């Protein structure tokens, strides 16, 4: 019977790669002069590992800050799930009022709202004619 051995290195999951690398480094230091890895540049390995961990921690911090800023922006815009066009003081509420005012002002000339930056779509809808049975 043939035996196969597979030892995976998780390159697609950074946390798993970091954990494995930390374990290798710990074992290397425990063995000291007896480590079979003394022929490798383990100082650079350790430095790269520490740099990667620090950068990932900073990235997480910045990601969390970005999430918070996006939530705050959503509240200003009025796009938070708890808000709608009637939530006063938001961009969405005000822009809805602007649209209503301009639609009233330009009744029959709705295309003019495009001059204000709105995307105006005008299409002809065929009227349904009632047929006699």
C-alpha atoms as a PDB file:
ATOM      1  CA  UNK A   1       0.000   0.000   0.000  1.00  0.00           C
ATOM      2  CA  UNK A   2       1.291   3.445  -0.926  1.00  0.00           C
ATOM      3  CA  UNK A   3       1.087   6.180   1.680  1.00  0.00           C
ATOM      4  CA  UNK A   4       0.805   9.792   0.688  1.00  0.00           C
ATOM      5  CA  UNK A   5       1.456  12.713   2.951  1.00  0.00           C
ATOM      6  CA  UNK A   6       0.093  16.170   2.380  1.00  0.00           C
ATOM      7  CA  UNK A   7       1.004  19.133   4.578  1.00  0.00           C
ATOM      8  CA  UNK A   8      -0.986  22.203   3.601  1.00  0.00           C
ATOM      9  CA  UNK A   9       0.177  25.774   3.908  1.00  0.00           C
ATOM     10  CA  UNK A  10      -2.855  28.006   4.105  1.00  0.00           C
ATOM     11  CA  UNK A  11      -1.870  30.856   1.795  1.00  0.00           C
ATOM     12  CA  UNK A  12      -5.458  31.961   1.217  1.00  0.00           C
ATOM     13  CA  UNK A  13      -6.223  32.514   4.901  1.00  0.00           C
ATOM     14  CA  UNK A  14      -3.783  35.017   6.339  1.00  0.00           C
ATOM     15  CA  UNK A  15      -4.676  34.295   9.965  1.00  0.00           C
ATOM     16  CA  UNK A  16      -3.981  30.586   9.492  1.00  0.00           C
ATOM     17  CA  UNK A  17      -0.651  31.338   7.775  1.00  0.00           C
ATOM     18  CA  UNK A  18       0.296  33.678  10.623  1.00  0.00           C
ATOM     19  CA  UNK A  19      -0.629  31.087  13.263  1.00  0.00           C
ATOM     20  CA  UNK A  20       1.391  28.355  11.555  1.00  0.00           C
ATOM     21  CA  UNK A  21       4.348  30.718  11.145  1.00  0.00           C
ATOM     22  CA  UNK A  22       4.201  31.740  14.805  1.00  0.00           C
ATOM     23  CA  UNK A  23       4.202  28.076  15.823  1.00  0.00           C
ATOM     24  CA  UNK A  24       7.202  27.352  13.578  1.00  0.00           C
ATOM     25  CA  UNK A  25       9.088  30.341  14.981  1.00  0.00           C
ATOM     26  CA  UNK A  26       8.292  29.318  18.564  1.00  0.00           C
ATOM     27  CA  UNK A  27       9.554  25.769  17.966  1.00  0.00           C
ATOM     28  CA  UNK A  28      12.671  27.111  16.211  1.00  0.00           C
ATOM     29  CA  UNK A  29      13.523  29.308  19.210  1.00  0.00           C
ATOM     30  CA  UNK A  30      12.802  26.488  21.677  1.00  0.00           C
ATOM     31  CA  UNK A  31      15.306  24.230  19.889  1.00  0.00           C
ATOM     32  CA  UNK A  32      17.883  26.983  19.595  1.00  0.00           C
ATOM     33  CA  UNK A  33      21.166  25.589  18.206  1.00  0.00           C
ATOM     34  CA  UNK A  34      19.497  22.209  17.619  1.00  0.00           C
ATOM     35  CA  UNK A  35      16.851  23.653  15.271  1.00  0.00           C
ATOM     36  CA  UNK A  36      16.931  22.130  11.780  1.00  0.00           C
ATOM     37  CA  UNK A  37      15.985  25.590  10.472  1.00  0.00           C
ATOM     38  CA  UNK A  38      19.257  27.303  11.424  1.00  0.00           C
ATOM     39  CA  UNK A  39      20.307  27.294   7.785  1.00  0.00           C
ATOM     40  CA  UNK A  40      17.368  29.564   6.923  1.00  0.00           C
ATOM     41  CA  UNK A  41      17.208  33.303   7.511  1.00  0.00           C
ATOM     42  CA  UNK A  42      14.777  33.061  10.408  1.00  0.00           C
ATOM     43  CA  UNK A  43      15.476  36.644  11.495  1.00  0.00           C
ATOM     44  CA  UNK A  44      14.024  37.952   8.240  1.00  0.00           C
ATOM     45  CA  UNK A  45      11.196  35.420   8.573  1.00  0.00           C
ATOM     46  CA  UNK A  46      10.394  36.760  12.066  1.00  0.00           C
ATOM     47  CA  UNK A  47      10.649  40.384  10.908  1.00  0.00           C
ATOM     48  CA  UNK A  48       8.350  39.757   7.937  1.00  0.00           C
ATOM     49  CA  UNK A  49       5.887  37.943  10.170  1.00  0.00           C
ATOM     50  CA  UNK A  50       5.822  40.776  12.715  1.00  0.00           C
ATOM     51  CA  UNK A  51       5.499  43.398   9.965  1.00  0.00           C
ATOM     52  CA  UNK A  52       2.605  41.478   8.408  1.00  0.00           C
ATOM     53  CA  UNK A  53       0.829  41.191  11.764  1.00  0.00           C
ATOM     54  CA  UNK A  54       1.262  44.919  12.435  1.00  0.00           C
ATOM     55  CA  UNK A  55      -0.005  45.838   8.975  1.00  0.00           C
ATOM     56  CA  UNK A  56      -3.019  43.560   9.309  1.00  0.00           C
ATOM     57  CA  UNK A  57      -3.841  45.100  12.697  1.00  0.00           C
ATOM     58  CA  UNK A  58      -3.586  48.591  11.187  1.00  0.00           C
ATOM     59  CA  UNK A  59      -5.727  47.528   8.213  1.00  0.00           C
ATOM     60  CA  UNK A  60      -8.411  46.188  10.569  1.00  0.00           C
ATOM     61  CA  UNK A  61      -8.374  49.427  12.539  1.00  0.00           C
ATOM     62  CA  UNK A  62      -8.698  51.483   9.348  1.00  0.00           C
ATOM     63  CA  UNK A  63     -11.420  49.145   8.065  1.00  0.00           C
ATOM     64  CA  UNK A  64     -13.386  49.625  11.291  1.00  0.00           C
ATOM     65  CA  UNK A  65     -12.940  53.400  11.003  1.00  0.00           C
ATOM     66  CA  UNK A  66     -14.092  53.289   7.373  1.00  0.00           C
ATOM     67  CA  UNK A  67     -17.177  51.280   8.355  1.00  0.00           C
ATOM     68  CA  UNK A  68     -18.062  53.849  11.019  1.00  0.00           C
ATOM     69  CA  UNK A  69     -17.511  56.751   8.623  1.00  0.00           C
ATOM     70  CA  UNK A  70     -19.704  55.067   5.997  1.00  0.00           C
ATOM     71  CA  UNK A  71     -22.459  54.566   8.592  1.00  0.00           C
ATOM     72  CA  UNK A  72     -22.237  58.231   9.580  1.00  0.00           C
ATOM     73  CA  UNK A  73     -22.319  59.279   5.923  1.00  0.00           C
ATOM     74  CA  UNK A  74     -25.409  57.106   5.431  1.00  0.00           C
ATOM     75  CA  UNK A  75     -27.137  58.952   8.272  1.00  0.00           C
ATOM     76  CA  UNK A  76     -26.278  62.308   6.678  1.00  0.00           C
ATOM     77  CA  UNK A  77     -27.468  61.133   3.288  1.00  0.00           C
ATOM     78  CA  UNK A  78     -30.628  59.540   4.670  1.00  0.00           C
ATOM     79  CA  UNK A  79     -29.795  56.133   3.218  1.00  0.00           C
ATOM     80  CA  UNK A  80     -29.567  54.321   6.547  1.00  0.00           C
ATOM     81  CA  UNK A  81     -32.021  51.384   6.636  1.00  0.00           C
ATOM     82  CA  UNK A  82     -34.015  53.162   9.371  1.00  0.00           C
ATOM     83  CA  UNK A  83     -34.457  56.269   7.197  1.00  0.00           C
ATOM     84  CA  UNK A  84     -36.526  57.250   4.184  1.00  0.00           C
ATOM     85  CA  UNK A  85     -37.292  60.326   2.080  1.00  0.00           C
ATOM     86  CA  UNK A  86     -39.346  61.782   4.924  1.00  0.00           C
ATOM     87  CA  UNK A  87     -36.478  61.720   7.450  1.00  0.00           C
ATOM     88  CA  UNK A  88     -35.981  65.444   7.943  1.00  0.00           C
ATOM     89  CA  UNK A  89     -32.584  67.052   7.764  1.00  0.00           C
ATOM     90  CA  UNK A  90     -31.084  64.490   5.411  1.00  0.00           C
ATOM     91  CA  UNK A  91     -29.808  64.889   1.865  1.00  0.00           C
ATOM     92  CA  UNK A  92     -32.439  62.408   0.659  1.00  0.00           C
ATOM     93  CA  UNK A  93     -35.264  64.382   2.296  1.00  0.00           C
ATOM     94  CA  UNK A  94     -34.081  67.689   0.870  1.00  0.00           C
ATOM     95  CA  UNK A  95     -33.398  66.343  -2.632  1.00  0.00           C
ATOM     96  CA  UNK A  96     -36.896  64.811  -2.634  1.00  0.00           C
ATOM     97  CA  UNK A  97     -38.352  68.230  -1.800  1.00  0.00           C
ATOM     98  CA  UNK A  98     -36.209  69.838  -4.503  1.00  0.00           C
ATOM     99  CA  UNK A  99     -37.509  67.336  -7.037  1.00  0.00           C
ATOM    100  CA  UNK A 100     -41.129  67.991  -6.016  1.00  0.00           C
ATOM    101  CA  UNK A 101     -40.711  71.769  -6.261  1.00  0.00           C
ATOM    102  CA  UNK A 102     -39.021  71.554  -9.652  1.00  0.00           C
ATOM    103  CA  UNK A 103     -41.609  69.096 -10.992  1.00  0.00           C
ATOM    104  CA  UNK A 104     -44.314  71.592 -10.011  1.00  0.00           C
ATOM    105  CA  UNK A 105     -42.395  74.509 -11.493  1.00  0.00           C
ATOM    106  CA  UNK A 106     -41.608  72.729 -14.755  1.00  0.00           C
ATOM    107  CA  UNK A 107     -44.908  70.852 -15.199  1.00  0.00           C
ATOM    108  CA  UNK A 108     -45.035  69.811 -18.837  1.00  0.00           C
ATOM    109  CA  UNK A 109     -41.320  70.624 -19.187  1.00  0.00           C
ATOM    110  CA  UNK A 110     -39.967  67.929 -16.876  1.00  0.00           C
ATOM    111  CA  UNK A 111     -36.868  67.475 -19.058  1.00  0.00           C
ATOM    112  CA  UNK A 112     -35.626  70.773 -17.555  1.00  0.00           C
ATOM    113  CA  UNK A 113     -34.902  68.925 -14.316  1.00  0.00           C
ATOM    114  CA  UNK A 114     -31.868  67.482 -16.109  1.00  0.00           C
ATOM    115  CA  UNK A 115     -30.410  71.020 -16.016  1.00  0.00           C
ATOM    116  CA  UNK A 116     -30.452  70.637 -12.245  1.00  0.00           C
ATOM    117  CA  UNK A 117     -28.556  67.338 -12.390  1.00  0.00           C
ATOM    118  CA  UNK A 118     -31.494  64.945 -12.238  1.00  0.00           C
ATOM    119  CA  UNK A 119     -31.669  61.908 -14.499  1.00  0.00           C
ATOM    120  CA  UNK A 120     -34.961  62.470 -16.316  1.00  0.00           C
ATOM    121  CA  UNK A 121     -36.461  59.604 -18.283  1.00  0.00           C
ATOM    122  CA  UNK A 122     -39.492  60.418 -20.389  1.00  0.00           C
ATOM    123  CA  UNK A 123     -41.203  57.625 -22.239  1.00  0.00           C
ATOM    124  CA  UNK A 124     -44.469  57.302 -24.088  1.00  0.00           C
ATOM    125  CA  UNK A 125     -46.787  54.714 -22.664  1.00  0.00           C
ATOM    126  CA  UNK A 126     -49.425  53.420 -25.041  1.00  0.00           C
ATOM    127  CA  UNK A 127     -52.926  53.903 -23.736  1.00  0.00           C
ATOM    128  CA  UNK A 128     -54.933  50.776 -23.392  1.00  0.00           C
ATOM    129  CA  UNK A 129     -58.069  50.816 -25.460  1.00  0.00           C
ATOM    130  CA  UNK A 130     -61.020  48.936 -24.191  1.00  0.00           C
ATOM    131  CA  UNK A 131     -62.312  46.562 -26.775  1.00  0.00           C
ATOM    132  CA  UNK A 132     -65.948  45.694 -27.009  1.00  0.00           C
ATOM    133  CA  UNK A 133     -66.776  42.054 -26.473  1.00  0.00           C
END
